[in-house]
């Protein structure tokens, strides 16, 4: 869990979402905006993880065999 924190920090730091999130939490106390930003960030992380898993399963024959042998479970 802690190994991915630098990656998330870089992704947050490269966008304007960081300043908007800090403004929403610290200055205006806009919790709905902060929740929306965090939700979208989590959605992007989950989506990218899913995409890389699909690409890995398509390219690596060992993963493809293990998925087919277990019946997709």
PDB file of N, CA and C in Angstrom:
ATOM      1  N   UNK A   1       0.824  -1.184   0.000  1.00  0.00           N
ATOM      2  CA  UNK A   1       0.000   0.000   0.000  1.00  0.00           C
ATOM      3  C   UNK A   1       0.872   1.254   0.000  1.00  0.00           C
ATOM      4  N   UNK A   2       1.923   1.250   0.792  1.00  0.00           N
ATOM      5  CA  UNK A   2       2.748   2.438   0.893  1.00  0.00           C
ATOM      6  C   UNK A   2       3.719   2.562  -0.268  1.00  0.00           C
ATOM      7  N   UNK A   3       3.909   1.488  -1.041  1.00  0.00           N
ATOM      8  CA  UNK A   3       4.805   1.556  -2.182  1.00  0.00           C
ATOM      9  C   UNK A   3       4.236   2.430  -3.289  1.00  0.00           C
ATOM     10  N   UNK A   4       2.924   2.532  -3.388  1.00  0.00           N
ATOM     11  CA  UNK A   4       2.291   3.300  -4.451  1.00  0.00           C
ATOM     12  C   UNK A   4       2.104   4.772  -4.091  1.00  0.00           C
ATOM     13  N   UNK A   5       2.367   5.154  -2.876  1.00  0.00           N
ATOM     14  CA  UNK A   5       2.141   6.541  -2.469  1.00  0.00           C
ATOM     15  C   UNK A   5       2.967   7.547  -3.262  1.00  0.00           C
ATOM     16  N   UNK A   6       4.241   7.291  -3.556  1.00  0.00           N
ATOM     17  CA  UNK A   6       4.971   8.271  -4.377  1.00  0.00           C
ATOM     18  C   UNK A   6       4.376   8.445  -5.766  1.00  0.00           C
ATOM     19  N   UNK A   7       3.864   7.368  -6.344  1.00  0.00           N
ATOM     20  CA  UNK A   7       3.249   7.455  -7.672  1.00  0.00           C
ATOM     21  C   UNK A   7       1.995   8.314  -7.608  1.00  0.00           C
ATOM     22  N   UNK A   8       1.173   8.097  -6.598  1.00  0.00           N
ATOM     23  CA  UNK A   8      -0.042   8.892  -6.444  1.00  0.00           C
ATOM     24  C   UNK A   8       0.308  10.347  -6.187  1.00  0.00           C
ATOM     25  N   UNK A   9       1.351  10.595  -5.410  1.00  0.00           N
ATOM     26  CA  UNK A   9       1.764  11.967  -5.136  1.00  0.00           C
ATOM     27  C   UNK A   9       2.220  12.667  -6.411  1.00  0.00           C
ATOM     28  N   UNK A  10       2.914  11.955  -7.277  1.00  0.00           N
ATOM     29  CA  UNK A  10       3.360  12.550  -8.542  1.00  0.00           C
ATOM     30  C   UNK A  10       2.162  12.844  -9.428  1.00  0.00           C
ATOM     31  N   UNK A  11       1.214  11.915  -9.488  1.00  0.00           N
ATOM     32  CA  UNK A  11       0.032  12.126 -10.323  1.00  0.00           C
ATOM     33  C   UNK A  11      -0.768  13.315  -9.806  1.00  0.00           C
ATOM     34  N   UNK A  12      -0.934  13.408  -8.498  1.00  0.00           N
ATOM     35  CA  UNK A  12      -1.662  14.539  -7.933  1.00  0.00           C
ATOM     36  C   UNK A  12      -0.903  15.842  -8.135  1.00  0.00           C
ATOM     37  N   UNK A  13       0.412  15.793  -8.033  1.00  0.00           N
ATOM     38  CA  UNK A  13       1.211  16.991  -8.165  1.00  0.00           C
ATOM     39  C   UNK A  13       1.265  17.520  -9.583  1.00  0.00           C
ATOM     40  N   UNK A  14       1.027  16.682 -10.567  1.00  0.00           N
ATOM     41  CA  UNK A  14       1.128  17.104 -11.954  1.00  0.00           C
ATOM     42  C   UNK A  14      -0.171  17.696 -12.481  1.00  0.00           C
ATOM     43  N   UNK A  15      -1.210  17.644 -11.729  1.00  0.00           N
ATOM     44  CA  UNK A  15      -2.486  18.167 -12.196  1.00  0.00           C
ATOM     45  C   UNK A  15      -2.888  19.394 -11.374  1.00  0.00           C
ATOM     46  N   UNK A  16      -3.902  20.048 -11.828  1.00  0.00           N
ATOM     47  CA  UNK A  16      -4.449  21.176 -11.077  1.00  0.00           C
ATOM     48  C   UNK A  16      -5.375  20.712  -9.965  1.00  0.00           C
ATOM     49  N   UNK A  17      -5.598  19.402  -9.893  1.00  0.00           N
ATOM     50  CA  UNK A  17      -6.490  18.871  -8.875  1.00  0.00           C
ATOM     51  C   UNK A  17      -5.927  19.083  -7.476  1.00  0.00           C
ATOM     52  N   UNK A  18      -4.610  19.118  -7.351  1.00  0.00           N
ATOM     53  CA  UNK A  18      -4.014  19.297  -6.023  1.00  0.00           C
ATOM     54  C   UNK A  18      -4.375  20.643  -5.428  1.00  0.00           C
ATOM     55  N   UNK A  19      -4.180  21.694  -6.199  1.00  0.00           N
ATOM     56  CA  UNK A  19      -4.501  23.025  -5.666  1.00  0.00           C
ATOM     57  C   UNK A  19      -6.003  23.170  -5.423  1.00  0.00           C
ATOM     58  N   UNK A  20      -6.799  22.573  -6.302  1.00  0.00           N
ATOM     59  CA  UNK A  20      -8.251  22.635  -6.115  1.00  0.00           C
ATOM     60  C   UNK A  20      -8.671  21.850  -4.878  1.00  0.00           C
ATOM     61  N   UNK A  21      -8.034  20.693  -4.654  1.00  0.00           N
ATOM     62  CA  UNK A  21      -8.350  19.886  -3.471  1.00  0.00           C
ATOM     63  C   UNK A  21      -7.953  20.611  -2.198  1.00  0.00           C
ATOM     64  N   UNK A  22      -6.783  21.213  -2.188  1.00  0.00           N
ATOM     65  CA  UNK A  22      -6.343  21.957  -1.001  1.00  0.00           C
ATOM     66  C   UNK A  22      -7.260  23.146  -0.747  1.00  0.00           C
ATOM     67  N   UNK A  23      -7.642  23.834  -1.810  1.00  0.00           N
ATOM     68  CA  UNK A  23      -8.558  24.959  -1.639  1.00  0.00           C
ATOM     69  C   UNK A  23      -9.910  24.493  -1.126  1.00  0.00           C
ATOM     70  N   UNK A  24     -10.385  23.368  -1.648  1.00  0.00           N
ATOM     71  CA  UNK A  24     -11.692  22.866  -1.229  1.00  0.00           C
ATOM     72  C   UNK A  24     -11.687  22.436   0.230  1.00  0.00           C
ATOM     73  N   UNK A  25     -10.586  21.868   0.690  1.00  0.00           N
ATOM     74  CA  UNK A  25     -10.540  21.384   2.071  1.00  0.00           C
ATOM     75  C   UNK A  25     -10.151  22.462   3.066  1.00  0.00           C
ATOM     76  N   UNK A  26      -9.120  23.222   2.743  1.00  0.00           N
ATOM     77  CA  UNK A  26      -8.564  24.140   3.736  1.00  0.00           C
ATOM     78  C   UNK A  26      -9.224  25.508   3.732  1.00  0.00           C
ATOM     79  N   UNK A  27      -9.516  26.019   2.557  1.00  0.00           N
ATOM     80  CA  UNK A  27      -9.974  27.412   2.494  1.00  0.00           C
ATOM     81  C   UNK A  27     -11.489  27.547   2.488  1.00  0.00           C
ATOM     82  N   UNK A  28     -12.171  26.752   1.682  1.00  0.00           N
ATOM     83  CA  UNK A  28     -13.617  26.932   1.548  1.00  0.00           C
ATOM     84  C   UNK A  28     -14.437  25.863   2.258  1.00  0.00           C
ATOM     85  N   UNK A  29     -13.770  24.812   2.747  1.00  0.00           N
ATOM     86  CA  UNK A  29     -14.445  23.701   3.422  1.00  0.00           C
ATOM     87  C   UNK A  29     -15.534  23.088   2.538  1.00  0.00           C
ATOM     88  N   UNK A  30     -15.247  22.942   1.263  1.00  0.00           N
ATOM     89  CA  UNK A  30     -16.177  22.353   0.307  1.00  0.00           C
ATOM     90  C   UNK A  30     -15.923  20.850   0.250  1.00  0.00           C
ATOM     91  N   UNK A  31     -16.612  20.123   1.101  1.00  0.00           N
ATOM     92  CA  UNK A  31     -16.372  18.692   1.225  1.00  0.00           C
ATOM     93  C   UNK A  31     -16.891  17.915   0.024  1.00  0.00           C
ATOM     94  N   UNK A  32     -17.932  18.408  -0.624  1.00  0.00           N
ATOM     95  CA  UNK A  32     -18.453  17.709  -1.793  1.00  0.00           C
ATOM     96  C   UNK A  32     -17.471  17.763  -2.957  1.00  0.00           C
ATOM     97  N   UNK A  33     -16.826  18.900  -3.161  1.00  0.00           N
ATOM     98  CA  UNK A  33     -15.823  19.019  -4.209  1.00  0.00           C
ATOM     99  C   UNK A  33     -14.618  18.138  -3.899  1.00  0.00           C
ATOM    100  N   UNK A  34     -14.191  18.125  -2.656  1.00  0.00           N
ATOM    101  CA  UNK A  34     -13.060  17.281  -2.266  1.00  0.00           C
ATOM    102  C   UNK A  34     -13.395  15.807  -2.467  1.00  0.00           C
ATOM    103  N   UNK A  35     -14.601  15.410  -2.107  1.00  0.00           N
ATOM    104  CA  UNK A  35     -15.015  14.018  -2.296  1.00  0.00           C
ATOM    105  C   UNK A  35     -15.069  13.662  -3.775  1.00  0.00           C
ATOM    106  N   UNK A  36     -15.526  14.583  -4.603  1.00  0.00           N
ATOM    107  CA  UNK A  36     -15.587  14.331  -6.040  1.00  0.00           C
ATOM    108  C   UNK A  36     -14.190  14.172  -6.635  1.00  0.00           C
ATOM    109  N   UNK A  37     -13.257  15.010  -6.198  1.00  0.00           N
ATOM    110  CA  UNK A  37     -11.876  14.911  -6.695  1.00  0.00           C
ATOM    111  C   UNK A  37     -11.255  13.585  -6.273  1.00  0.00           C
ATOM    112  N   UNK A  38     -11.423  13.206  -5.018  1.00  0.00           N
ATOM    113  CA  UNK A  38     -10.867  11.946  -4.542  1.00  0.00           C
ATOM    114  C   UNK A  38     -11.535  10.751  -5.214  1.00  0.00           C
ATOM    115  N   UNK A  39     -12.837  10.841  -5.465  1.00  0.00           N
ATOM    116  CA  UNK A  39     -13.535   9.765  -6.157  1.00  0.00           C
ATOM    117  C   UNK A  39     -13.016   9.598  -7.582  1.00  0.00           C
ATOM    118  N   UNK A  40     -12.830  10.699  -8.287  1.00  0.00           N
ATOM    119  CA  UNK A  40     -12.307  10.617  -9.649  1.00  0.00           C
ATOM    120  C   UNK A  40     -10.882  10.087  -9.671  1.00  0.00           C
ATOM    121  N   UNK A  41     -10.073  10.487  -8.700  1.00  0.00           N
ATOM    122  CA  UNK A  41      -8.714   9.970  -8.616  1.00  0.00           C
ATOM    123  C   UNK A  41      -8.718   8.462  -8.365  1.00  0.00           C
ATOM    124  N   UNK A  42      -9.569   8.011  -7.459  1.00  0.00           N
ATOM    125  CA  UNK A  42      -9.676   6.578  -7.188  1.00  0.00           C
ATOM    126  C   UNK A  42     -10.187   5.830  -8.418  1.00  0.00           C
ATOM    127  N   UNK A  43     -11.116   6.429  -9.138  1.00  0.00           N
ATOM    128  CA  UNK A  43     -11.637   5.813 -10.358  1.00  0.00           C
ATOM    129  C   UNK A  43     -10.544   5.662 -11.412  1.00  0.00           C
ATOM    130  N   UNK A  44      -9.698   6.666 -11.543  1.00  0.00           N
ATOM    131  CA  UNK A  44      -8.590   6.593 -12.504  1.00  0.00           C
ATOM    132  C   UNK A  44      -7.605   5.512 -12.096  1.00  0.00           C
ATOM    133  N   UNK A  45      -7.282   5.417 -10.815  1.00  0.00           N
ATOM    134  CA  UNK A  45      -6.336   4.401 -10.347  1.00  0.00           C
ATOM    135  C   UNK A  45      -6.893   2.999 -10.577  1.00  0.00           C
ATOM    136  N   UNK A  46      -8.155   2.780 -10.241  1.00  0.00           N
ATOM    137  CA  UNK A  46      -8.770   1.468 -10.444  1.00  0.00           C
ATOM    138  C   UNK A  46      -8.860   1.144 -11.932  1.00  0.00           C
ATOM    139  N   UNK A  47      -9.221   2.123 -12.744  1.00  0.00           N
ATOM    140  CA  UNK A  47      -9.306   1.900 -14.181  1.00  0.00           C
ATOM    141  C   UNK A  47      -7.965   1.571 -14.802  1.00  0.00           C
ATOM    142  N   UNK A  48      -6.916   2.264 -14.378  1.00  0.00           N
ATOM    143  CA  UNK A  48      -5.586   1.978 -14.909  1.00  0.00           C
ATOM    144  C   UNK A  48      -5.090   0.607 -14.456  1.00  0.00           C
ATOM    145  N   UNK A  49      -5.388   0.226 -13.213  1.00  0.00           N
ATOM    146  CA  UNK A  49      -5.021  -1.114 -12.745  1.00  0.00           C
ATOM    147  C   UNK A  49      -5.734  -2.183 -13.556  1.00  0.00           C
ATOM    148  N   UNK A  50      -7.000  -1.979 -13.839  1.00  0.00           N
ATOM    149  CA  UNK A  50      -7.755  -2.941 -14.638  1.00  0.00           C
ATOM    150  C   UNK A  50      -7.188  -3.029 -16.048  1.00  0.00           C
ATOM    151  N   UNK A  51      -6.876  -1.884 -16.644  1.00  0.00           N
ATOM    152  CA  UNK A  51      -6.337  -1.881 -17.999  1.00  0.00           C
ATOM    153  C   UNK A  51      -4.995  -2.595 -18.058  1.00  0.00           C
ATOM    154  N   UNK A  52      -4.132  -2.361 -17.078  1.00  0.00           N
ATOM    155  CA  UNK A  52      -2.840  -3.041 -17.095  1.00  0.00           C
ATOM    156  C   UNK A  52      -2.996  -4.536 -16.857  1.00  0.00           C
ATOM    157  N   UNK A  53      -3.964  -4.948 -16.035  1.00  0.00           N
ATOM    158  CA  UNK A  53      -4.213  -6.376 -15.841  1.00  0.00           C
ATOM    159  C   UNK A  53      -4.691  -7.037 -17.129  1.00  0.00           C
ATOM    160  N   UNK A  54      -5.564  -6.364 -17.858  1.00  0.00           N
ATOM    161  CA  UNK A  54      -6.057  -6.915 -19.123  1.00  0.00           C
ATOM    162  C   UNK A  54      -4.927  -7.010 -20.140  1.00  0.00           C
ATOM    163  N   UNK A  55      -4.101  -5.973 -20.216  1.00  0.00           N
ATOM    164  CA  UNK A  55      -2.976  -5.990 -21.152  1.00  0.00           C
ATOM    165  C   UNK A  55      -1.988  -7.089 -20.774  1.00  0.00           C
ATOM    166  N   UNK A  56      -1.720  -7.242 -19.488  1.00  0.00           N
ATOM    167  CA  UNK A  56      -0.811  -8.292 -19.047  1.00  0.00           C
ATOM    168  C   UNK A  56      -1.366  -9.674 -19.374  1.00  0.00           C
ATOM    169  N   UNK A  57      -2.647  -9.880 -19.164  1.00  0.00           N
ATOM    170  CA  UNK A  57      -3.262 -11.172 -19.477  1.00  0.00           C
ATOM    171  C   UNK A  57      -3.233 -11.450 -20.973  1.00  0.00           C
ATOM    172  N   UNK A  58      -3.326 -10.407 -21.784  1.00  0.00           N
ATOM    173  CA  UNK A  58      -3.300 -10.607 -23.234  1.00  0.00           C
ATOM    174  C   UNK A  58      -1.893 -10.889 -23.740  1.00  0.00           C
ATOM    175  N   UNK A  59      -0.881 -10.329 -23.100  1.00  0.00           N
ATOM    176  CA  UNK A  59       0.482 -10.447 -23.602  1.00  0.00           C
ATOM    177  C   UNK A  59       1.290 -11.584 -22.981  1.00  0.00           C
ATOM    178  N   UNK A  60       1.023 -11.925 -21.736  1.00  0.00           N
ATOM    179  CA  UNK A  60       1.826 -12.924 -21.045  1.00  0.00           C
ATOM    180  C   UNK A  60       1.125 -14.284 -21.089  1.00  0.00           C
ATOM    181  N   UNK A  61       1.724 -15.259 -21.752  1.00  0.00           N
ATOM    182  CA  UNK A  61       1.064 -16.569 -21.863  1.00  0.00           C
ATOM    183  C   UNK A  61       0.912 -17.273 -20.516  1.00  0.00           C
ATOM    184  N   UNK A  62       1.792 -17.000 -19.552  1.00  0.00           N
ATOM    185  CA  UNK A  62       1.652 -17.642 -18.240  1.00  0.00           C
ATOM    186  C   UNK A  62       0.379 -17.186 -17.541  1.00  0.00           C
ATOM    187  N   UNK A  63       0.072 -15.910 -17.639  1.00  0.00           N
ATOM    188  CA  UNK A  63      -1.139 -15.388 -17.011  1.00  0.00           C
ATOM    189  C   UNK A  63      -2.371 -15.923 -17.736  1.00  0.00           C
ATOM    190  N   UNK A  64      -2.298 -15.961 -19.064  1.00  0.00           N
ATOM    191  CA  UNK A  64      -3.426 -16.458 -19.852  1.00  0.00           C
ATOM    192  C   UNK A  64      -3.731 -17.909 -19.500  1.00  0.00           C
ATOM    193  N   UNK A  65      -2.692 -18.731 -19.359  1.00  0.00           N
ATOM    194  CA  UNK A  65      -2.895 -20.137 -19.001  1.00  0.00           C
ATOM    195  C   UNK A  65      -3.469 -20.274 -17.603  1.00  0.00           C
ATOM    196  N   UNK A  66      -3.013 -19.464 -16.673  1.00  0.00           N
ATOM    197  CA  UNK A  66      -3.510 -19.586 -15.299  1.00  0.00           C
ATOM    198  C   UNK A  66      -4.970 -19.142 -15.206  1.00  0.00           C
ATOM    199  N   UNK A  67      -5.355 -18.150 -15.992  1.00  0.00           N
ATOM    200  CA  UNK A  67      -6.756 -17.715 -15.973  1.00  0.00           C
ATOM    201  C   UNK A  67      -7.642 -18.777 -16.597  1.00  0.00           C
ATOM    202  N   UNK A  68      -7.206 -19.355 -17.709  1.00  0.00           N
ATOM    203  CA  UNK A  68      -8.003 -20.387 -18.376  1.00  0.00           C
ATOM    204  C   UNK A  68      -8.055 -21.671 -17.553  1.00  0.00           C
ATOM    205  N   UNK A  69      -6.987 -22.010 -16.838  1.00  0.00           N
ATOM    206  CA  UNK A  69      -6.962 -23.231 -16.037  1.00  0.00           C
ATOM    207  C   UNK A  69      -7.888 -23.137 -14.836  1.00  0.00           C
ATOM    208  N   UNK A  70      -8.029 -21.955 -14.276  1.00  0.00           N
ATOM    209  CA  UNK A  70      -8.875 -21.770 -13.103  1.00  0.00           C
ATOM    210  C   UNK A  70     -10.322 -21.460 -13.478  1.00  0.00           C
ATOM    211  N   UNK A  71     -10.613 -21.319 -14.729  1.00  0.00           N
ATOM    212  CA  UNK A  71     -11.977 -21.024 -15.145  1.00  0.00           C
ATOM    213  C   UNK A  71     -12.352 -19.574 -14.933  1.00  0.00           C
ATOM    214  N   UNK A  72     -11.377 -18.677 -14.910  1.00  0.00           N
ATOM    215  CA  UNK A  72     -11.666 -17.260 -14.762  1.00  0.00           C
ATOM    216  C   UNK A  72     -11.851 -16.810 -13.335  1.00  0.00           C
ATOM    217  N   UNK A  73     -11.616 -17.697 -12.379  1.00  0.00           N
ATOM    218  CA  UNK A  73     -11.793 -17.337 -10.973  1.00  0.00           C
ATOM    219  C   UNK A  73     -10.460 -17.111 -10.338  1.00  0.00           C
TER     220      UNK A  73
END
